[in-house]
């Protein structure tokens, strides 16, 4: 440090000013860098708030937009479909099979992707900044909102504001549920293999807050593949399913004997609604309202004269 001071004093004033400006600029640059820990437990340094973002997971795309930074997206995965403003963005493969060349060509300042996605190491090796996040619970959604806000250079108040809105809306949906609609046993199917949403999934958490009873226990894992006979034995009061999967259900052995099928106590969600329901992101509040309305409608049907 002493040597640096002596050197500065020996320079002409114009040189001194230039050096001081360079030091200030360097110090400012370093001061604005931040480090975030992603879900790989890797510390990622963000040199400055990104102006070009690629998101390869729909829930992360929606998180960026919920935080008011949609205009900074320059590419998304093929499944991102909300909000409508991202409709014309370049598609860069899926979460499992991202198109590395397209991502690199977009010259993003940061790439947001799932921990289960392939290609993170390759993108990092190619010089890109990668943050891997994969929310799987309500607590994860709140946490990921905070991490993404930090990456975007936003104050914590912004992510807190979005989370308070989500949490309050889920609570409001639960409070609006009449007593006769609560306690119903629900089977929620996420895909036709079939895979269901158990008590330990974020969908299961929402159902619990709405007063439903999930036929799939949490120890099976968040989204277990199940034997169709399991559902027949469980005899759920309500089946929640995407319209894409409803036709397949009727062909499963024994499912014609399900009282929910016979009584048409099925929530048959449109594709765009089903997409929203299976994403752990900022639209969980809308998902809660949709499930609550389904439970109330089915409860009314169950109680009406046959």
C-alpha atoms as a PDB file:
ATOM      1  CA  UNK A   1       0.000   0.000   0.000  1.00  0.00           C
ATOM      2  CA  UNK A   2       2.860   2.385   0.850  1.00  0.00           C
ATOM      3  CA  UNK A   3       4.468   1.693  -2.523  1.00  0.00           C
ATOM      4  CA  UNK A   4       1.183   2.523  -4.265  1.00  0.00           C
ATOM      5  CA  UNK A   5       0.884   5.824  -2.380  1.00  0.00           C
ATOM      6  CA  UNK A   6       4.445   6.823  -3.251  1.00  0.00           C
ATOM      7  CA  UNK A   7       3.863   6.009  -6.894  1.00  0.00           C
ATOM      8  CA  UNK A   8       0.689   8.072  -6.970  1.00  0.00           C
ATOM      9  CA  UNK A   9       2.412  11.088  -5.423  1.00  0.00           C
ATOM     10  CA  UNK A  10       5.177  10.909  -8.022  1.00  0.00           C
ATOM     11  CA  UNK A  11       2.745  11.101 -10.940  1.00  0.00           C
ATOM     12  CA  UNK A  12       1.534  14.262 -12.644  1.00  0.00           C
ATOM     13  CA  UNK A  13      -1.908  15.505 -11.495  1.00  0.00           C
ATOM     14  CA  UNK A  14      -3.619  14.314 -14.663  1.00  0.00           C
ATOM     15  CA  UNK A  15      -2.234  10.819 -14.202  1.00  0.00           C
ATOM     16  CA  UNK A  16      -3.238  10.855 -10.550  1.00  0.00           C
ATOM     17  CA  UNK A  17      -6.813  11.723 -11.453  1.00  0.00           C
ATOM     18  CA  UNK A  18      -6.902   8.958 -14.030  1.00  0.00           C
ATOM     19  CA  UNK A  19      -5.588   6.358 -11.597  1.00  0.00           C
ATOM     20  CA  UNK A  20      -8.039   7.438  -8.896  1.00  0.00           C
ATOM     21  CA  UNK A  21     -10.907   7.178 -11.361  1.00  0.00           C
ATOM     22  CA  UNK A  22      -9.811   3.696 -12.364  1.00  0.00           C
ATOM     23  CA  UNK A  23      -9.529   2.648  -8.720  1.00  0.00           C
ATOM     24  CA  UNK A  24     -12.968   4.063  -7.981  1.00  0.00           C
ATOM     25  CA  UNK A  25     -14.469   2.278 -10.978  1.00  0.00           C
ATOM     26  CA  UNK A  26     -12.854  -1.011  -9.998  1.00  0.00           C
ATOM     27  CA  UNK A  27     -14.007  -0.643  -6.413  1.00  0.00           C
ATOM     28  CA  UNK A  28     -17.542   0.202  -7.498  1.00  0.00           C
ATOM     29  CA  UNK A  29     -17.616  -2.819  -9.781  1.00  0.00           C
ATOM     30  CA  UNK A  30     -16.491  -5.156  -7.004  1.00  0.00           C
ATOM     31  CA  UNK A  31     -18.857  -3.605  -4.466  1.00  0.00           C
ATOM     32  CA  UNK A  32     -21.859  -4.372  -6.676  1.00  0.00           C
ATOM     33  CA  UNK A  33     -20.959  -8.019  -7.257  1.00  0.00           C
ATOM     34  CA  UNK A  34     -22.883 -10.526  -5.169  1.00  0.00           C
ATOM     35  CA  UNK A  35     -22.748 -14.224  -4.490  1.00  0.00           C
ATOM     36  CA  UNK A  36     -25.811 -16.481  -4.320  1.00  0.00           C
ATOM     37  CA  UNK A  37     -25.974 -20.119  -3.334  1.00  0.00           C
ATOM     38  CA  UNK A  38     -28.151 -22.098  -5.732  1.00  0.00           C
ATOM     39  CA  UNK A  39     -29.883 -25.451  -5.183  1.00  0.00           C
ATOM     40  CA  UNK A  40     -26.764 -27.355  -6.243  1.00  0.00           C
ATOM     41  CA  UNK A  41     -25.174 -25.762  -3.173  1.00  0.00           C
ATOM     42  CA  UNK A  42     -22.820 -23.950  -5.518  1.00  0.00           C
ATOM     43  CA  UNK A  43     -21.895 -20.325  -4.871  1.00  0.00           C
ATOM     44  CA  UNK A  44     -22.450 -18.281  -8.022  1.00  0.00           C
ATOM     45  CA  UNK A  45     -21.062 -14.766  -8.403  1.00  0.00           C
ATOM     46  CA  UNK A  46     -23.294 -12.222 -10.135  1.00  0.00           C
ATOM     47  CA  UNK A  47     -21.061  -9.352 -11.259  1.00  0.00           C
ATOM     48  CA  UNK A  48     -23.928  -6.969 -12.036  1.00  0.00           C
ATOM     49  CA  UNK A  49     -27.733  -7.123 -12.376  1.00  0.00           C
ATOM     50  CA  UNK A  50     -28.392  -9.104 -15.574  1.00  0.00           C
ATOM     51  CA  UNK A  51     -29.933  -7.389 -18.577  1.00  0.00           C
ATOM     52  CA  UNK A  52     -30.239 -10.579 -20.663  1.00  0.00           C
ATOM     53  CA  UNK A  53     -31.771 -13.664 -19.024  1.00  0.00           C
ATOM     54  CA  UNK A  54     -32.474 -17.151 -20.319  1.00  0.00           C
ATOM     55  CA  UNK A  55     -34.909 -19.226 -18.244  1.00  0.00           C
ATOM     56  CA  UNK A  56     -35.163 -22.977 -18.821  1.00  0.00           C
ATOM     57  CA  UNK A  57     -37.882 -23.804 -16.275  1.00  0.00           C
ATOM     58  CA  UNK A  58     -41.468 -22.496 -16.523  1.00  0.00           C
ATOM     59  CA  UNK A  59     -41.769 -21.704 -12.816  1.00  0.00           C
ATOM     60  CA  UNK A  60     -38.562 -19.656 -12.984  1.00  0.00           C
ATOM     61  CA  UNK A  61     -39.807 -17.835 -16.093  1.00  0.00           C
ATOM     62  CA  UNK A  62     -42.984 -16.964 -14.196  1.00  0.00           C
ATOM     63  CA  UNK A  63     -40.948 -15.887 -11.169  1.00  0.00           C
ATOM     64  CA  UNK A  64     -38.881 -13.447 -13.239  1.00  0.00           C
ATOM     65  CA  UNK A  65     -42.086 -11.971 -14.651  1.00  0.00           C
ATOM     66  CA  UNK A  66     -43.841 -11.819 -11.266  1.00  0.00           C
ATOM     67  CA  UNK A  67     -40.890  -9.740 -10.053  1.00  0.00           C
ATOM     68  CA  UNK A  68     -41.470  -7.286 -12.913  1.00  0.00           C
ATOM     69  CA  UNK A  69     -38.425  -8.201 -15.028  1.00  0.00           C
ATOM     70  CA  UNK A  70     -40.083 -10.044 -17.920  1.00  0.00           C
ATOM     71  CA  UNK A  71     -38.601  -7.641 -20.454  1.00  0.00           C
ATOM     72  CA  UNK A  72     -35.113  -8.942 -19.667  1.00  0.00           C
ATOM     73  CA  UNK A  73     -35.880 -12.472 -20.861  1.00  0.00           C
ATOM     74  CA  UNK A  74     -34.190 -13.258 -24.186  1.00  0.00           C
ATOM     75  CA  UNK A  75     -35.038 -16.970 -24.344  1.00  0.00           C
ATOM     76  CA  UNK A  76     -37.113 -19.604 -22.534  1.00  0.00           C
ATOM     77  CA  UNK A  77     -37.741 -23.356 -22.575  1.00  0.00           C
ATOM     78  CA  UNK A  78     -40.399 -24.868 -24.825  1.00  0.00           C
ATOM     79  CA  UNK A  79     -42.884 -25.293 -21.963  1.00  0.00           C
ATOM     80  CA  UNK A  80     -42.906 -21.716 -20.670  1.00  0.00           C
ATOM     81  CA  UNK A  81     -46.262 -20.274 -21.707  1.00  0.00           C
ATOM     82  CA  UNK A  82     -47.091 -17.564 -19.175  1.00  0.00           C
ATOM     83  CA  UNK A  83     -47.477 -14.632 -19.274  1.00  0.00           C
ATOM     84  CA  UNK A  84     -48.590 -14.047 -22.852  1.00  0.00           C
ATOM     85  CA  UNK A  85     -45.864 -11.445 -23.348  1.00  0.00           C
ATOM     86  CA  UNK A  86     -43.226 -14.205 -23.611  1.00  0.00           C
ATOM     87  CA  UNK A  87     -45.024 -15.884 -26.503  1.00  0.00           C
ATOM     88  CA  UNK A  88     -42.604 -14.638 -29.164  1.00  0.00           C
ATOM     89  CA  UNK A  89     -39.392 -15.337 -27.280  1.00  0.00           C
ATOM     90  CA  UNK A  90     -36.966 -17.894 -28.786  1.00  0.00           C
ATOM     91  CA  UNK A  91     -37.469 -21.443 -27.488  1.00  0.00           C
ATOM     92  CA  UNK A  92     -34.300 -23.134 -26.315  1.00  0.00           C
ATOM     93  CA  UNK A  93     -35.280 -26.743 -25.754  1.00  0.00           C
ATOM     94  CA  UNK A  94     -36.655 -28.255 -22.591  1.00  0.00           C
ATOM     95  CA  UNK A  95     -35.434 -28.465 -19.040  1.00  0.00           C
ATOM     96  CA  UNK A  96     -34.087 -31.953 -19.616  1.00  0.00           C
ATOM     97  CA  UNK A  97     -32.704 -31.268 -23.084  1.00  0.00           C
ATOM     98  CA  UNK A  98     -31.744 -27.587 -23.401  1.00  0.00           C
ATOM     99  CA  UNK A  99     -30.378 -26.440 -26.736  1.00  0.00           C
ATOM    100  CA  UNK A 100     -26.884 -25.416 -25.631  1.00  0.00           C
ATOM    101  CA  UNK A 101     -26.044 -23.695 -28.909  1.00  0.00           C
ATOM    102  CA  UNK A 102     -29.179 -21.532 -28.790  1.00  0.00           C
ATOM    103  CA  UNK A 103     -28.554 -20.554 -25.185  1.00  0.00           C
ATOM    104  CA  UNK A 104     -24.964 -19.527 -25.897  1.00  0.00           C
ATOM    105  CA  UNK A 105     -25.999 -17.611 -29.022  1.00  0.00           C
ATOM    106  CA  UNK A 106     -28.459 -15.533 -26.955  1.00  0.00           C
ATOM    107  CA  UNK A 107     -25.474 -14.135 -24.978  1.00  0.00           C
ATOM    108  CA  UNK A 108     -27.297 -14.154 -21.629  1.00  0.00           C
ATOM    109  CA  UNK A 109     -25.860 -12.534 -18.517  1.00  0.00           C
ATOM    110  CA  UNK A 110     -27.421 -15.351 -16.502  1.00  0.00           C
ATOM    111  CA  UNK A 111     -29.128 -18.670 -17.192  1.00  0.00           C
ATOM    112  CA  UNK A 112     -31.811 -19.889 -14.797  1.00  0.00           C
ATOM    113  CA  UNK A 113     -32.459 -23.632 -14.889  1.00  0.00           C
ATOM    114  CA  UNK A 114     -33.598 -26.596 -12.787  1.00  0.00           C
ATOM    115  CA  UNK A 115     -31.174 -28.649 -10.749  1.00  0.00           C
ATOM    116  CA  UNK A 116     -32.454 -31.743 -12.564  1.00  0.00           C
ATOM    117  CA  UNK A 117     -31.687 -30.213 -15.979  1.00  0.00           C
ATOM    118  CA  UNK A 118     -28.780 -31.296 -18.123  1.00  0.00           C
ATOM    119  CA  UNK A 119     -26.176 -28.938 -19.469  1.00  0.00           C
ATOM    120  CA  UNK A 120     -25.406 -26.704 -16.476  1.00  0.00           C
ATOM    121  CA  UNK A 121     -21.760 -27.779 -16.343  1.00  0.00           C
ATOM    122  CA  UNK A 122     -21.320 -27.353 -20.083  1.00  0.00           C
ATOM    123  CA  UNK A 123     -22.880 -23.885 -20.048  1.00  0.00           C
ATOM    124  CA  UNK A 124     -20.615 -22.898 -17.162  1.00  0.00           C
ATOM    125  CA  UNK A 125     -17.583 -24.262 -19.022  1.00  0.00           C
ATOM    126  CA  UNK A 126     -18.578 -22.095 -21.988  1.00  0.00           C
ATOM    127  CA  UNK A 127     -18.363 -19.013 -19.774  1.00  0.00           C
ATOM    128  CA  UNK A 128     -22.018 -18.475 -18.872  1.00  0.00           C
ATOM    129  CA  UNK A 129     -23.318 -17.730 -15.402  1.00  0.00           C
ATOM    130  CA  UNK A 130     -25.753 -20.477 -14.379  1.00  0.00           C
ATOM    131  CA  UNK A 131     -28.071 -20.429 -11.373  1.00  0.00           C
ATOM    132  CA  UNK A 132     -29.889 -23.722 -10.748  1.00  0.00           C
ATOM    133  CA  UNK A 133     -33.103 -23.559  -8.722  1.00  0.00           C
ATOM    134  CA  UNK A 134     -35.965 -26.012  -8.429  1.00  0.00           C
ATOM    135  CA  UNK A 135     -38.811 -25.140  -6.042  1.00  0.00           C
ATOM    136  CA  UNK A 136     -40.692 -28.187  -4.748  1.00  0.00           C
ATOM    137  CA  UNK A 137     -42.620 -26.829  -1.765  1.00  0.00           C
ATOM    138  CA  UNK A 138     -44.347 -23.660  -0.584  1.00  0.00           C
ATOM    139  CA  UNK A 139     -41.236 -22.773   1.423  1.00  0.00           C
ATOM    140  CA  UNK A 140     -39.127 -23.331  -1.691  1.00  0.00           C
ATOM    141  CA  UNK A 141     -41.276 -20.933  -3.702  1.00  0.00           C
ATOM    142  CA  UNK A 142     -40.727 -18.225  -1.096  1.00  0.00           C
ATOM    143  CA  UNK A 143     -36.991 -18.940  -0.958  1.00  0.00           C
ATOM    144  CA  UNK A 144     -36.559 -19.045  -4.749  1.00  0.00           C
ATOM    145  CA  UNK A 145     -38.400 -15.749  -5.100  1.00  0.00           C
ATOM    146  CA  UNK A 146     -35.797 -14.232  -2.795  1.00  0.00           C
ATOM    147  CA  UNK A 147     -32.847 -15.772  -4.651  1.00  0.00           C
ATOM    148  CA  UNK A 148     -34.126 -14.696  -8.077  1.00  0.00           C
ATOM    149  CA  UNK A 149     -34.834 -11.181  -6.800  1.00  0.00           C
ATOM    150  CA  UNK A 150     -31.267 -11.062  -5.485  1.00  0.00           C
ATOM    151  CA  UNK A 151     -29.887 -12.238  -8.847  1.00  0.00           C
ATOM    152  CA  UNK A 152     -31.934  -9.559 -10.595  1.00  0.00           C
ATOM    153  CA  UNK A 153     -30.567  -6.861  -8.304  1.00  0.00           C
ATOM    154  CA  UNK A 154     -33.925  -6.186  -6.671  1.00  0.00           C
ATOM    155  CA  UNK A 155     -34.369  -5.319  -2.987  1.00  0.00           C
ATOM    156  CA  UNK A 156     -35.750  -8.033  -0.661  1.00  0.00           C
ATOM    157  CA  UNK A 157     -38.960  -6.051  -0.336  1.00  0.00           C
ATOM    158  CA  UNK A 158     -39.900  -7.008  -3.890  1.00  0.00           C
ATOM    159  CA  UNK A 159     -39.808 -10.763  -3.316  1.00  0.00           C
ATOM    160  CA  UNK A 160     -41.471 -10.298   0.085  1.00  0.00           C
ATOM    161  CA  UNK A 161     -44.293  -8.380  -1.589  1.00  0.00           C
ATOM    162  CA  UNK A 162     -44.898 -11.114  -4.174  1.00  0.00           C
ATOM    163  CA  UNK A 163     -44.793 -13.873  -1.548  1.00  0.00           C
ATOM    164  CA  UNK A 164     -47.202 -12.068   0.787  1.00  0.00           C
ATOM    165  CA  UNK A 165     -49.678 -11.807  -2.093  1.00  0.00           C
ATOM    166  CA  UNK A 166     -49.366 -15.528  -2.883  1.00  0.00           C
ATOM    167  CA  UNK A 167     -49.656 -16.668   0.728  1.00  0.00           C
ATOM    168  CA  UNK A 168     -52.562 -14.353   1.514  1.00  0.00           C
ATOM    169  CA  UNK A 169     -54.465 -15.497  -1.573  1.00  0.00           C
ATOM    170  CA  UNK A 170     -54.008 -19.186  -0.691  1.00  0.00           C
ATOM    171  CA  UNK A 171     -55.240 -18.443   2.830  1.00  0.00           C
ATOM    172  CA  UNK A 172     -58.229 -16.551   1.426  1.00  0.00           C
ATOM    173  CA  UNK A 173     -59.127 -19.516  -0.789  1.00  0.00           C
ATOM    174  CA  UNK A 174     -58.972 -21.792   2.258  1.00  0.00           C
ATOM    175  CA  UNK A 175     -61.091 -19.467   4.383  1.00  0.00           C
ATOM    176  CA  UNK A 176     -63.745 -19.323   1.655  1.00  0.00           C
ATOM    177  CA  UNK A 177     -64.207 -23.092   1.763  1.00  0.00           C
ATOM    178  CA  UNK A 178     -67.533 -24.063   3.403  1.00  0.00           C
ATOM    179  CA  UNK A 179     -67.359 -26.748   6.087  1.00  0.00           C
ATOM    180  CA  UNK A 180     -69.206 -29.317   3.937  1.00  0.00           C
ATOM    181  CA  UNK A 181     -66.523 -29.046   1.252  1.00  0.00           C
ATOM    182  CA  UNK A 182     -63.670 -29.858   3.607  1.00  0.00           C
ATOM    183  CA  UNK A 183     -62.430 -33.292   4.575  1.00  0.00           C
ATOM    184  CA  UNK A 184     -62.931 -34.770   1.117  1.00  0.00           C
ATOM    185  CA  UNK A 185     -60.434 -37.397   0.018  1.00  0.00           C
ATOM    186  CA  UNK A 186     -58.627 -36.279  -3.131  1.00  0.00           C
ATOM    187  CA  UNK A 187     -56.547 -38.003  -5.771  1.00  0.00           C
ATOM    188  CA  UNK A 188     -54.570 -35.492  -7.849  1.00  0.00           C
ATOM    189  CA  UNK A 189     -52.989 -36.950 -11.003  1.00  0.00           C
ATOM    190  CA  UNK A 190     -50.048 -35.083 -12.517  1.00  0.00           C
ATOM    191  CA  UNK A 191     -49.472 -37.402 -15.491  1.00  0.00           C
ATOM    192  CA  UNK A 192     -50.963 -40.541 -16.966  1.00  0.00           C
ATOM    193  CA  UNK A 193     -48.222 -43.081 -16.087  1.00  0.00           C
ATOM    194  CA  UNK A 194     -49.935 -42.580 -13.579  1.00  0.00           C
ATOM    195  CA  UNK A 195     -48.051 -40.223 -11.286  1.00  0.00           C
ATOM    196  CA  UNK A 196     -49.909 -38.567  -8.435  1.00  0.00           C
ATOM    197  CA  UNK A 197     -49.258 -35.630  -6.108  1.00  0.00           C
ATOM    198  CA  UNK A 198     -48.745 -36.809  -2.545  1.00  0.00           C
ATOM    199  CA  UNK A 199     -49.059 -35.001   0.771  1.00  0.00           C
ATOM    200  CA  UNK A 200     -45.375 -34.013   0.608  1.00  0.00           C
ATOM    201  CA  UNK A 201     -45.673 -32.193  -2.741  1.00  0.00           C
ATOM    202  CA  UNK A 202     -46.438 -28.483  -3.046  1.00  0.00           C
ATOM    203  CA  UNK A 203     -49.800 -29.512  -4.528  1.00  0.00           C
ATOM    204  CA  UNK A 204     -50.390 -31.661  -1.465  1.00  0.00           C
ATOM    205  CA  UNK A 205     -49.532 -28.693   0.759  1.00  0.00           C
ATOM    206  CA  UNK A 206     -52.128 -26.580  -1.022  1.00  0.00           C
ATOM    207  CA  UNK A 207     -54.768 -29.301  -0.722  1.00  0.00           C
ATOM    208  CA  UNK A 208     -54.048 -29.602   2.992  1.00  0.00           C
ATOM    209  CA  UNK A 209     -54.485 -25.868   3.477  1.00  0.00           C
ATOM    210  CA  UNK A 210     -57.815 -26.134   1.658  1.00  0.00           C
ATOM    211  CA  UNK A 211     -58.960 -28.803   4.106  1.00  0.00           C
ATOM    212  CA  UNK A 212     -58.685 -31.788   1.744  1.00  0.00           C
ATOM    213  CA  UNK A 213     -57.382 -35.248   2.629  1.00  0.00           C
ATOM    214  CA  UNK A 214     -54.852 -36.653   0.180  1.00  0.00           C
ATOM    215  CA  UNK A 215     -55.081 -40.404  -0.574  1.00  0.00           C
ATOM    216  CA  UNK A 216     -51.321 -40.493  -1.296  1.00  0.00           C
ATOM    217  CA  UNK A 217     -49.183 -40.305   1.875  1.00  0.00           C
ATOM    218  CA  UNK A 218     -46.049 -38.209   1.874  1.00  0.00           C
ATOM    219  CA  UNK A 219     -43.694 -41.125   2.488  1.00  0.00           C
ATOM    220  CA  UNK A 220     -44.258 -42.226  -1.116  1.00  0.00           C
ATOM    221  CA  UNK A 221     -42.369 -39.137  -2.271  1.00  0.00           C
ATOM    222  CA  UNK A 222     -43.764 -35.883  -3.713  1.00  0.00           C
ATOM    223  CA  UNK A 223     -44.888 -37.300  -7.078  1.00  0.00           C
ATOM    224  CA  UNK A 224     -44.899 -41.086  -6.890  1.00  0.00           C
ATOM    225  CA  UNK A 225     -45.687 -43.457  -9.744  1.00  0.00           C
ATOM    226  CA  UNK A 226     -48.544 -45.571  -8.467  1.00  0.00           C
ATOM    227  CA  UNK A 227     -50.345 -48.790  -9.269  1.00  0.00           C
ATOM    228  CA  UNK A 228     -53.808 -47.871 -10.620  1.00  0.00           C
ATOM    229  CA  UNK A 229     -55.280 -50.463  -8.239  1.00  0.00           C
ATOM    230  CA  UNK A 230     -54.066 -48.313  -5.338  1.00  0.00           C
ATOM    231  CA  UNK A 231     -56.589 -45.631  -6.313  1.00  0.00           C
ATOM    232  CA  UNK A 232     -59.360 -48.223  -6.674  1.00  0.00           C
ATOM    233  CA  UNK A 233     -58.719 -49.448  -3.138  1.00  0.00           C
ATOM    234  CA  UNK A 234     -58.498 -45.884  -1.783  1.00  0.00           C
ATOM    235  CA  UNK A 235     -61.839 -44.802  -3.340  1.00  0.00           C
ATOM    236  CA  UNK A 236     -61.225 -41.012  -3.408  1.00  0.00           C
ATOM    237  CA  UNK A 237     -64.184 -38.647  -3.176  1.00  0.00           C
ATOM    238  CA  UNK A 238     -62.687 -36.379  -5.852  1.00  0.00           C
ATOM    239  CA  UNK A 239     -60.322 -36.941  -8.766  1.00  0.00           C
ATOM    240  CA  UNK A 240     -58.354 -33.976 -10.090  1.00  0.00           C
ATOM    241  CA  UNK A 241     -56.851 -34.459 -13.535  1.00  0.00           C
ATOM    242  CA  UNK A 242     -55.876 -32.688 -16.749  1.00  0.00           C
ATOM    243  CA  UNK A 243     -58.241 -32.994 -19.698  1.00  0.00           C
ATOM    244  CA  UNK A 244     -55.327 -34.640 -21.547  1.00  0.00           C
ATOM    245  CA  UNK A 245     -55.419 -37.611 -19.160  1.00  0.00           C
ATOM    246  CA  UNK A 246     -59.119 -38.088 -18.514  1.00  0.00           C
ATOM    247  CA  UNK A 247     -59.725 -40.454 -21.455  1.00  0.00           C
ATOM    248  CA  UNK A 248     -57.010 -42.814 -20.266  1.00  0.00           C
ATOM    249  CA  UNK A 249     -58.635 -43.229 -16.864  1.00  0.00           C
ATOM    250  CA  UNK A 250     -61.713 -45.023 -18.135  1.00  0.00           C
ATOM    251  CA  UNK A 251     -59.576 -47.821 -19.595  1.00  0.00           C
ATOM    252  CA  UNK A 252     -57.741 -48.663 -16.361  1.00  0.00           C
ATOM    253  CA  UNK A 253     -58.747 -51.938 -14.692  1.00  0.00           C
ATOM    254  CA  UNK A 254     -61.330 -51.382 -11.990  1.00  0.00           C
ATOM    255  CA  UNK A 255     -61.631 -47.644 -12.454  1.00  0.00           C
ATOM    256  CA  UNK A 256     -65.197 -47.986 -13.717  1.00  0.00           C
ATOM    257  CA  UNK A 257     -65.958 -49.020 -10.125  1.00  0.00           C
ATOM    258  CA  UNK A 258     -64.601 -45.828  -8.629  1.00  0.00           C
ATOM    259  CA  UNK A 259     -67.468 -43.963  -7.003  1.00  0.00           C
ATOM    260  CA  UNK A 260     -65.880 -40.673  -8.066  1.00  0.00           C
ATOM    261  CA  UNK A 261     -65.972 -41.815 -11.698  1.00  0.00           C
ATOM    262  CA  UNK A 262     -69.542 -43.094 -11.437  1.00  0.00           C
ATOM    263  CA  UNK A 263     -70.727 -39.897  -9.765  1.00  0.00           C
ATOM    264  CA  UNK A 264     -68.750 -37.663 -12.160  1.00  0.00           C
ATOM    265  CA  UNK A 265     -66.938 -36.137  -9.185  1.00  0.00           C
ATOM    266  CA  UNK A 266     -63.976 -35.249 -11.363  1.00  0.00           C
ATOM    267  CA  UNK A 267     -62.179 -31.930 -11.766  1.00  0.00           C
ATOM    268  CA  UNK A 268     -61.216 -32.017 -15.426  1.00  0.00           C
ATOM    269  CA  UNK A 269     -58.777 -29.119 -15.823  1.00  0.00           C
ATOM    270  CA  UNK A 270     -58.090 -27.463 -19.145  1.00  0.00           C
ATOM    271  CA  UNK A 271     -54.487 -27.720 -20.338  1.00  0.00           C
ATOM    272  CA  UNK A 272     -53.587 -24.138 -19.464  1.00  0.00           C
ATOM    273  CA  UNK A 273     -55.024 -24.577 -15.972  1.00  0.00           C
ATOM    274  CA  UNK A 274     -53.286 -27.935 -15.544  1.00  0.00           C
ATOM    275  CA  UNK A 275     -49.970 -26.303 -16.477  1.00  0.00           C
ATOM    276  CA  UNK A 276     -50.495 -23.720 -13.758  1.00  0.00           C
ATOM    277  CA  UNK A 277     -51.481 -26.312 -11.155  1.00  0.00           C
ATOM    278  CA  UNK A 278     -48.316 -28.381 -11.520  1.00  0.00           C
ATOM    279  CA  UNK A 279     -45.866 -25.462 -11.293  1.00  0.00           C
ATOM    280  CA  UNK A 280     -44.385 -24.448  -7.954  1.00  0.00           C
ATOM    281  CA  UNK A 281     -44.273 -20.753  -8.650  1.00  0.00           C
ATOM    282  CA  UNK A 282     -45.994 -17.399  -8.267  1.00  0.00           C
ATOM    283  CA  UNK A 283     -49.336 -18.633  -9.643  1.00  0.00           C
ATOM    284  CA  UNK A 284     -49.905 -20.994  -6.697  1.00  0.00           C
ATOM    285  CA  UNK A 285     -52.568 -18.580  -5.476  1.00  0.00           C
ATOM    286  CA  UNK A 286     -54.596 -18.998  -8.661  1.00  0.00           C
ATOM    287  CA  UNK A 287     -54.056 -22.753  -8.446  1.00  0.00           C
ATOM    288  CA  UNK A 288     -55.459 -22.768  -4.900  1.00  0.00           C
ATOM    289  CA  UNK A 289     -58.563 -20.883  -6.001  1.00  0.00           C
ATOM    290  CA  UNK A 290     -59.077 -23.328  -8.870  1.00  0.00           C
ATOM    291  CA  UNK A 291     -58.784 -26.385  -6.607  1.00  0.00           C
ATOM    292  CA  UNK A 292     -61.036 -24.785  -3.989  1.00  0.00           C
ATOM    293  CA  UNK A 293     -63.731 -24.068  -6.572  1.00  0.00           C
ATOM    294  CA  UNK A 294     -63.477 -27.649  -7.822  1.00  0.00           C
ATOM    295  CA  UNK A 295     -63.944 -29.025  -4.304  1.00  0.00           C
ATOM    296  CA  UNK A 296     -66.955 -26.793  -3.690  1.00  0.00           C
ATOM    297  CA  UNK A 297     -68.557 -27.729  -7.008  1.00  0.00           C
ATOM    298  CA  UNK A 298     -68.057 -31.449  -6.404  1.00  0.00           C
ATOM    299  CA  UNK A 299     -69.335 -31.135  -2.847  1.00  0.00           C
ATOM    300  CA  UNK A 300     -72.516 -29.500  -4.121  1.00  0.00           C
ATOM    301  CA  UNK A 301     -72.933 -32.265  -6.715  1.00  0.00           C
ATOM    302  CA  UNK A 302     -72.417 -34.924  -4.053  1.00  0.00           C
ATOM    303  CA  UNK A 303     -75.070 -33.387  -1.863  1.00  0.00           C
ATOM    304  CA  UNK A 304     -77.672 -32.871  -4.605  1.00  0.00           C
ATOM    305  CA  UNK A 305     -80.511 -35.365  -5.190  1.00  0.00           C
ATOM    306  CA  UNK A 306     -79.667 -38.070  -7.707  1.00  0.00           C
END
